[in-house]
Amino acid sequence: MINLSIDGQAVSVPEGTTIYNACRSIGTEIPTLCFLDTLHPVNVCRVCVVEVEGARVLVPSCSRAVEDNMVVRTASDRVKHSRKLVLELLASSVDLGTTPHVAEWIEEYDADPARFGPAAPPAAPGTRDAAVPGHHAPPNAAFAATVAEPTKIDNDLYVRDYAKCILCYKCVEACGPDHQNTFAIAVAGRGFDAHISTEFAVPLPDSACVYCGNCIAVCPTGALMAKREYDMRADGSWDEASISMTDTICPYCGVGCTLRLHVAGGEIVKATSPFENSITQGNLCIKGRFGWRFVQNTAVDPGPRE
C-alpha cells in the first residue's frame, strides 16, 4: 500500500492508484471533463490539476500515480486559480450549454469567461476543416476567439456539433485503441485550429465510421449527440427531468448487451449502456444503439401484402 496525504488527511491506497481515484476514495471530488473510468486517461482538459508538494507544476490527477509520502493539495489558491482560468478559456471559446456541472464550477471558482470579450461570429462551413497547420489569420481583438461552426448533419443517426467540442479526446480513444479500433476519427490541425475530423474531412457516411455511437456515449459536452435528441432539443421538447430509463437486453445477438432505453412521452428517444456494466462498459454496436427505432415506426404504411 502507498501512504500519502491529501489535504492534510492520511490516505492509504494500492500502488498504481491515480491521485484522482485516491481523492475519490476519501470522498474528495475533483472536477474533470476528459476523464472516464473506461478510457485511458489523456489528461488534456487540465481541470483536474492538483498541487503536489515539491513538484514544479500542477499535475493532472487523472493520470498521475500516487507515490509514498506524497503530499497533495486539491484546493490551494494555485489550484483554484488554474481551474478558474481553464474554465474561462473553455467557456469563452466553446458552447458549454449542454455540459453537465460546468455552470456550477464556473460559479464555484468565480470564473468570468465574458472578460475576453463577445464571442466571434461562427466560422463558415468547412473553414476549420480546411485550416492549414501553421497558417493563422491575425486575431481580431474585438472578439473572443471561438470554435463555433455550423452543425454537421450528414446522416440520420447522430450529429456533430463541434461548436461544443473541447478536444477531450474521449471520442478518439473510444473509436480507436480503447474500444472500437475503427479509427474513423482523429485530431486534425494544430493550435486553436485543432479539431476532430474524419479522414480528409469526408462526410461521415463516406468515412470508416461503423455507427456504433460509442463516441456519443463518452462525449462530455453534447458535441456528439443522437439525432432524435438533437431534434428535440432544437424544437424545445427535450425535458431531461421527464425522461424515464429502463434497462433491457439487446435482442440482436447472443452477447447479451444491456440496453438502457431513454423514454419520453412513450417514445424511445435514445439507447445507451451503463459504463459499469461488465459486458459492455458502455459500448454498443449500431444495432444496439440505433436499431430500436422499428419499435415505434408506426408512421410508415407498408401497403397491402400480397
Protein backbone atom coordinates (compact mmCIF):
# COMPACT_ATOMS: atom_id res chain seq x y z
CA MET A 1 0.00 0.00 0.00
CA ILE A 2 1.05 3.59 -0.71
CA ASN A 3 0.71 6.15 2.08
CA LEU A 4 0.17 9.80 1.23
CA SER A 5 -1.51 12.94 2.48
CA ILE A 6 -4.45 14.60 0.70
CA ASP A 7 -5.49 17.99 2.04
CA GLY A 8 -3.97 17.07 5.39
CA GLN A 9 -5.73 13.71 5.59
CA ALA A 10 -3.68 10.50 5.75
CA VAL A 11 -4.62 8.10 2.95
CA SER A 12 -3.52 4.56 2.11
CA VAL A 13 -4.24 3.17 -1.38
CA PRO A 14 -2.88 0.35 -3.58
CA GLU A 15 0.20 1.00 -5.70
CA GLY A 16 -0.72 2.32 -9.17
CA THR A 17 -3.76 4.24 -7.94
CA THR A 18 -4.08 7.69 -9.51
CA ILE A 19 -4.35 10.80 -7.38
CA TYR A 20 -7.85 11.27 -8.79
CA ASN A 21 -9.03 7.86 -7.57
CA ALA A 22 -7.23 8.29 -4.25
CA CYS A 23 -9.19 11.51 -3.75
CA ARG A 24 -12.45 9.78 -4.65
CA SER A 25 -11.71 7.04 -2.11
CA ILE A 26 -11.97 9.59 0.70
CA GLY A 27 -14.91 11.48 -0.76
CA THR A 28 -12.96 14.38 -2.28
CA GLU A 29 -14.45 15.15 -5.69
CA ILE A 30 -12.15 16.62 -8.34
CA PRO A 31 -13.74 18.32 -11.37
CA THR A 32 -12.81 16.78 -14.71
CA LEU A 33 -14.03 16.82 -18.30
CA CYS A 34 -11.73 14.42 -20.15
CA PHE A 35 -11.55 11.53 -17.67
CA LEU A 36 -13.66 8.39 -17.82
CA ASP A 37 -13.02 5.16 -15.93
CA THR A 38 -13.41 3.05 -19.07
CA LEU A 39 -10.89 5.05 -21.13
CA HIS A 40 -7.14 5.52 -20.94
CA PRO A 41 -6.51 8.97 -19.38
CA VAL A 42 -5.10 11.53 -21.79
CA ASN A 43 -5.08 14.41 -19.26
CA VAL A 44 -5.88 17.18 -21.72
CA CYS A 45 -8.69 19.20 -20.11
CA ARG A 46 -6.48 20.29 -17.18
CA VAL A 47 -9.49 20.91 -14.95
CA CYS A 48 -8.44 18.11 -12.58
CA VAL A 49 -4.99 19.52 -11.77
CA VAL A 50 -3.81 19.41 -8.17
CA GLU A 51 -0.75 20.64 -6.33
CA VAL A 52 1.90 18.12 -5.26
CA GLU A 53 4.43 19.33 -2.74
CA GLY A 54 7.86 19.57 -4.37
CA ALA A 55 6.53 19.48 -7.94
CA ARG A 56 7.37 22.42 -10.17
CA VAL A 57 4.00 22.43 -11.95
CA LEU A 58 0.45 21.39 -11.14
CA VAL A 59 -0.19 17.77 -12.07
CA PRO A 60 -3.20 16.13 -13.74
CA SER A 61 -4.72 13.96 -11.02
CA CYS A 62 -6.44 11.66 -13.52
CA SER A 63 -3.15 10.17 -14.74
CA ARG A 64 -0.53 10.87 -12.08
CA ALA A 65 0.02 7.81 -9.88
CA VAL A 66 0.40 8.23 -6.14
CA GLU A 67 3.81 7.93 -4.52
CA ASP A 68 4.81 7.11 -0.99
CA ASN A 69 4.76 10.15 1.32
CA MET A 70 3.26 12.33 -1.42
CA VAL A 71 1.58 15.49 -0.15
CA VAL A 72 -1.38 16.57 -2.31
CA ARG A 73 -3.42 19.76 -2.12
CA THR A 74 -6.63 19.76 -4.14
CA ALA A 75 -7.93 23.22 -3.30
CA SER A 76 -4.92 25.50 -2.82
CA ASP A 77 -5.00 29.05 -4.18
CA ARG A 78 -2.76 27.96 -7.03
CA VAL A 79 -5.11 25.10 -7.97
CA LYS A 80 -8.19 27.29 -7.78
CA HIS A 81 -6.59 29.98 -9.95
CA SER A 82 -5.61 27.42 -12.57
CA ARG A 83 -9.08 25.87 -12.70
CA LYS A 84 -10.65 29.31 -12.93
CA LEU A 85 -8.52 30.27 -15.94
CA VAL A 86 -9.08 26.93 -17.70
CA LEU A 87 -12.82 27.28 -17.28
CA GLU A 88 -12.72 30.87 -18.55
CA LEU A 89 -10.76 29.88 -21.65
CA LEU A 90 -13.06 26.93 -22.37
CA ALA A 91 -16.32 28.77 -21.76
CA SER A 92 -15.24 31.78 -23.82
CA SER A 93 -14.42 29.70 -26.89
CA VAL A 94 -16.77 26.69 -26.68
CA ASP A 95 -20.52 26.34 -26.23
CA LEU A 96 -20.80 24.53 -22.89
CA GLY A 97 -24.57 24.86 -22.68
CA THR A 98 -25.15 21.10 -22.59
CA THR A 99 -22.10 20.19 -20.49
CA PRO A 100 -23.09 18.88 -17.05
CA HIS A 101 -21.69 20.60 -13.92
CA VAL A 102 -19.73 23.32 -15.76
CA ALA A 103 -22.10 26.11 -14.73
CA GLU A 104 -21.62 25.04 -11.09
CA TRP A 105 -17.83 25.00 -11.47
CA ILE A 106 -17.81 28.44 -13.10
CA GLU A 107 -19.73 29.78 -10.12
CA GLU A 108 -17.60 27.88 -7.60
CA TYR A 109 -14.32 29.22 -9.00
CA ASP A 110 -15.71 32.69 -9.75
CA ALA A 111 -14.75 32.36 -13.41
CA ASP A 112 -15.65 35.16 -15.81
CA PRO A 113 -15.49 33.97 -19.44
CA ALA A 114 -17.03 37.23 -20.64
CA ARG A 115 -13.88 39.17 -19.72
CA PHE A 116 -12.32 38.09 -23.02
CA GLY A 117 -14.99 39.96 -24.95
CA PRO A 118 -18.00 38.95 -27.06
CA ALA A 119 -17.82 35.69 -28.94
CA ALA A 120 -16.55 35.83 -32.52
CA PRO A 121 -19.04 35.01 -35.29
CA PRO A 122 -19.21 31.31 -36.28
CA ALA A 123 -16.85 30.17 -38.98
CA ALA A 124 -18.28 29.44 -42.42
CA PRO A 125 -18.95 25.74 -43.20
CA GLY A 126 -15.72 23.89 -43.89
CA THR A 127 -13.43 26.72 -42.74
CA ARG A 128 -11.97 24.87 -39.75
CA ASP A 129 -11.65 21.65 -41.77
CA ALA A 130 -9.63 23.50 -44.40
CA ALA A 131 -7.28 25.29 -41.96
CA VAL A 132 -3.61 24.75 -42.81
CA PRO A 133 -1.41 23.97 -39.78
CA GLY A 134 0.94 26.85 -39.06
CA HIS A 135 -1.06 29.39 -41.06
CA HIS A 136 -3.19 31.56 -38.81
CA ALA A 137 -5.28 34.63 -39.56
CA PRO A 138 -4.47 37.71 -37.47
CA PRO A 139 -6.62 37.72 -34.30
CA ASN A 140 -9.47 40.18 -34.02
CA ALA A 141 -9.08 41.94 -30.68
CA ALA A 142 -12.76 42.91 -30.71
CA PHE A 143 -13.89 39.32 -30.18
CA ALA A 144 -13.05 36.26 -28.13
CA ALA A 145 -11.88 33.52 -30.48
CA THR A 146 -14.29 30.59 -30.67
CA VAL A 147 -14.56 27.18 -32.33
CA ALA A 148 -18.13 27.93 -33.43
CA GLU A 149 -19.15 26.45 -36.77
CA PRO A 150 -22.36 25.06 -38.30
CA THR A 151 -23.51 21.69 -37.00
CA LYS A 152 -22.60 18.75 -39.24
CA ILE A 153 -25.76 16.76 -40.06
CA ASP A 154 -24.93 14.21 -42.73
CA ASN A 155 -26.75 11.09 -41.51
CA ASP A 156 -29.94 10.07 -39.71
CA LEU A 157 -28.30 8.61 -36.59
CA TYR A 158 -26.22 11.31 -34.92
CA VAL A 159 -24.98 14.85 -35.39
CA ARG A 160 -21.62 16.52 -34.81
CA ASP A 161 -21.82 19.96 -33.26
CA TYR A 162 -18.15 20.87 -32.96
CA ALA A 163 -19.00 24.29 -31.58
CA LYS A 164 -19.34 22.31 -28.33
CA CYS A 165 -16.11 20.34 -28.69
CA ILE A 166 -13.42 20.85 -26.04
CA LEU A 167 -10.94 18.39 -27.62
CA CYS A 168 -11.10 15.99 -24.69
CA TYR A 169 -10.03 13.11 -26.99
CA LYS A 170 -12.66 10.78 -25.48
CA CYS A 171 -14.32 10.11 -28.84
CA VAL A 172 -10.94 9.45 -30.47
CA GLU A 173 -9.98 6.99 -27.74
CA ALA A 174 -13.36 5.21 -27.86
CA CYS A 175 -13.27 4.95 -31.66
CA GLY A 176 -9.62 3.93 -31.60
CA PRO A 177 -7.40 1.86 -29.31
CA ASP A 178 -9.53 1.77 -26.16
CA HIS A 179 -12.67 0.15 -27.56
CA GLN A 180 -13.77 0.11 -31.18
CA ASN A 181 -10.45 0.05 -33.07
CA THR A 182 -12.14 1.61 -36.09
CA PHE A 183 -10.03 4.80 -36.11
CA ALA A 184 -12.64 6.70 -38.11
CA ILE A 185 -11.83 10.00 -36.36
CA ALA A 186 -8.72 11.73 -35.09
CA VAL A 187 -7.46 15.18 -34.14
CA ALA A 188 -6.52 17.27 -37.16
CA GLY A 189 -4.86 20.67 -37.28
CA ARG A 190 -2.68 22.46 -34.76
CA GLY A 191 -3.15 25.02 -32.02
CA PHE A 192 -6.52 26.75 -31.94
CA ASP A 193 -7.33 25.19 -35.33
CA ALA A 194 -7.13 21.67 -33.88
CA HIS A 195 -10.41 19.80 -34.32
CA ILE A 196 -11.90 16.33 -34.54
CA SER A 197 -12.11 15.11 -38.12
CA THR A 198 -12.73 12.10 -40.29
CA GLU A 199 -10.04 11.11 -42.76
CA PHE A 200 -9.55 14.06 -45.15
CA ALA A 201 -12.66 15.66 -43.57
CA VAL A 202 -15.00 13.49 -45.66
CA PRO A 203 -18.70 13.28 -44.64
CA LEU A 204 -19.40 10.63 -42.03
CA PRO A 205 -21.19 8.25 -44.45
CA ASP A 206 -18.06 8.22 -46.63
CA SER A 207 -15.69 7.61 -43.71
CA ALA A 208 -14.63 4.47 -41.87
CA CYS A 209 -17.35 5.06 -39.25
CA VAL A 210 -19.41 1.95 -38.39
CA TYR A 211 -22.04 3.98 -36.47
CA CYS A 212 -21.54 2.17 -33.19
CA GLY A 213 -22.14 5.50 -31.47
CA ASN A 214 -19.58 4.80 -28.77
CA CYS A 215 -18.16 8.27 -29.39
CA ILE A 216 -21.56 9.72 -28.45
CA ALA A 217 -21.58 7.72 -25.22
CA VAL A 218 -18.32 9.23 -23.98
CA CYS A 219 -18.73 12.82 -25.24
CA PRO A 220 -18.95 15.09 -22.16
CA THR A 221 -20.34 18.20 -23.84
CA GLY A 222 -23.03 17.15 -26.30
CA ALA A 223 -20.82 17.84 -29.31
CA LEU A 224 -21.80 14.36 -30.46
CA MET A 225 -25.49 13.66 -29.99
CA ALA A 226 -28.14 11.20 -31.16
CA LYS A 227 -30.20 12.78 -33.94
CA ARG A 228 -33.53 12.38 -32.13
CA GLU A 229 -32.23 14.09 -29.00
CA TYR A 230 -30.73 16.87 -31.12
CA ASP A 231 -34.05 17.44 -32.91
CA MET A 232 -35.98 17.51 -29.64
CA ARG A 233 -33.56 19.99 -28.10
CA ALA A 234 -33.84 22.15 -31.22
CA ASP A 235 -37.65 22.30 -31.09
CA GLY A 236 -37.72 22.78 -27.31
CA SER A 237 -39.42 19.48 -26.49
CA TRP A 238 -36.45 17.89 -24.71
CA ASP A 239 -37.09 17.69 -20.96
CA GLU A 240 -34.39 15.82 -19.07
CA ALA A 241 -36.48 15.58 -15.91
CA SER A 242 -39.37 13.83 -17.66
CA ILE A 243 -37.26 11.12 -19.28
CA SER A 244 -37.55 7.67 -17.76
CA MET A 245 -34.91 4.94 -18.18
CA THR A 246 -35.44 1.20 -18.42
CA ASP A 247 -32.77 -1.47 -18.71
CA THR A 248 -33.29 -4.40 -21.04
CA ILE A 249 -31.20 -6.82 -23.10
CA CYS A 250 -30.38 -6.19 -26.75
CA PRO A 251 -32.25 -8.80 -28.86
CA TYR A 252 -29.94 -8.86 -31.86
CA CYS A 253 -27.23 -11.37 -30.91
CA GLY A 254 -26.09 -13.68 -28.14
CA VAL A 255 -23.64 -11.33 -26.43
CA GLY A 256 -26.36 -10.05 -24.13
CA CYS A 257 -25.54 -6.34 -24.06
CA THR A 258 -27.54 -4.27 -21.60
CA LEU A 259 -29.54 -1.50 -23.24
CA ARG A 260 -30.72 1.47 -21.23
CA LEU A 261 -33.72 2.88 -23.06
CA HIS A 262 -34.43 6.58 -22.55
CA VAL A 263 -38.16 7.16 -22.96
CA ALA A 264 -40.05 10.46 -23.28
CA GLY A 265 -43.81 10.58 -23.70
CA GLY A 266 -43.96 6.89 -24.57
CA GLU A 267 -41.29 7.28 -27.26
CA ILE A 268 -37.80 5.78 -27.13
CA VAL A 269 -35.52 8.73 -27.83
CA LYS A 270 -32.15 7.06 -27.43
CA ALA A 271 -30.38 3.95 -26.15
CA THR A 272 -27.23 3.79 -24.05
CA SER A 273 -25.48 1.17 -21.95
CA PRO A 274 -24.17 1.60 -18.38
CA PHE A 275 -20.43 2.24 -18.13
CA GLU A 276 -20.29 0.00 -15.06
CA ASN A 277 -21.73 -2.97 -17.00
CA SER A 278 -19.10 -5.71 -17.11
CA ILE A 279 -20.10 -6.84 -20.61
CA THR A 280 -20.42 -3.54 -22.47
CA GLN A 281 -18.53 -0.97 -20.39
CA GLY A 282 -20.90 1.49 -22.04
CA ASN A 283 -20.20 0.29 -25.58
CA LEU A 284 -22.73 -0.95 -28.14
CA CYS A 285 -22.84 -1.71 -31.85
CA ILE A 286 -25.02 0.06 -34.41
CA LYS A 287 -27.88 -2.39 -33.81
CA GLY A 288 -27.92 -1.91 -30.05
CA ARG A 289 -27.55 1.87 -30.08
CA PHE A 290 -29.77 2.69 -33.05
CA GLY A 291 -31.64 -0.48 -34.04
CA TRP A 292 -34.62 0.04 -31.75
CA ARG A 293 -36.46 2.50 -33.95
CA PHE A 294 -38.63 -0.18 -35.55
CA VAL A 295 -40.44 -0.45 -32.20
CA GLN A 296 -42.29 2.80 -32.80
CA ASN A 297 -42.15 3.09 -36.58
CA THR A 298 -45.91 3.41 -36.93
CA ALA A 299 -45.91 6.31 -39.35
CA VAL A 300 -44.92 4.21 -42.37
CA ASP A 301 -47.71 2.46 -44.25
CA PRO A 302 -46.21 -0.63 -45.90
CA GLY A 303 -49.30 -1.10 -48.08
CA PRO A 304 -51.27 -4.30 -48.62
CA ARG A 305 -49.43 -7.60 -48.51
CA GLU A 306 -49.62 -9.89 -51.48
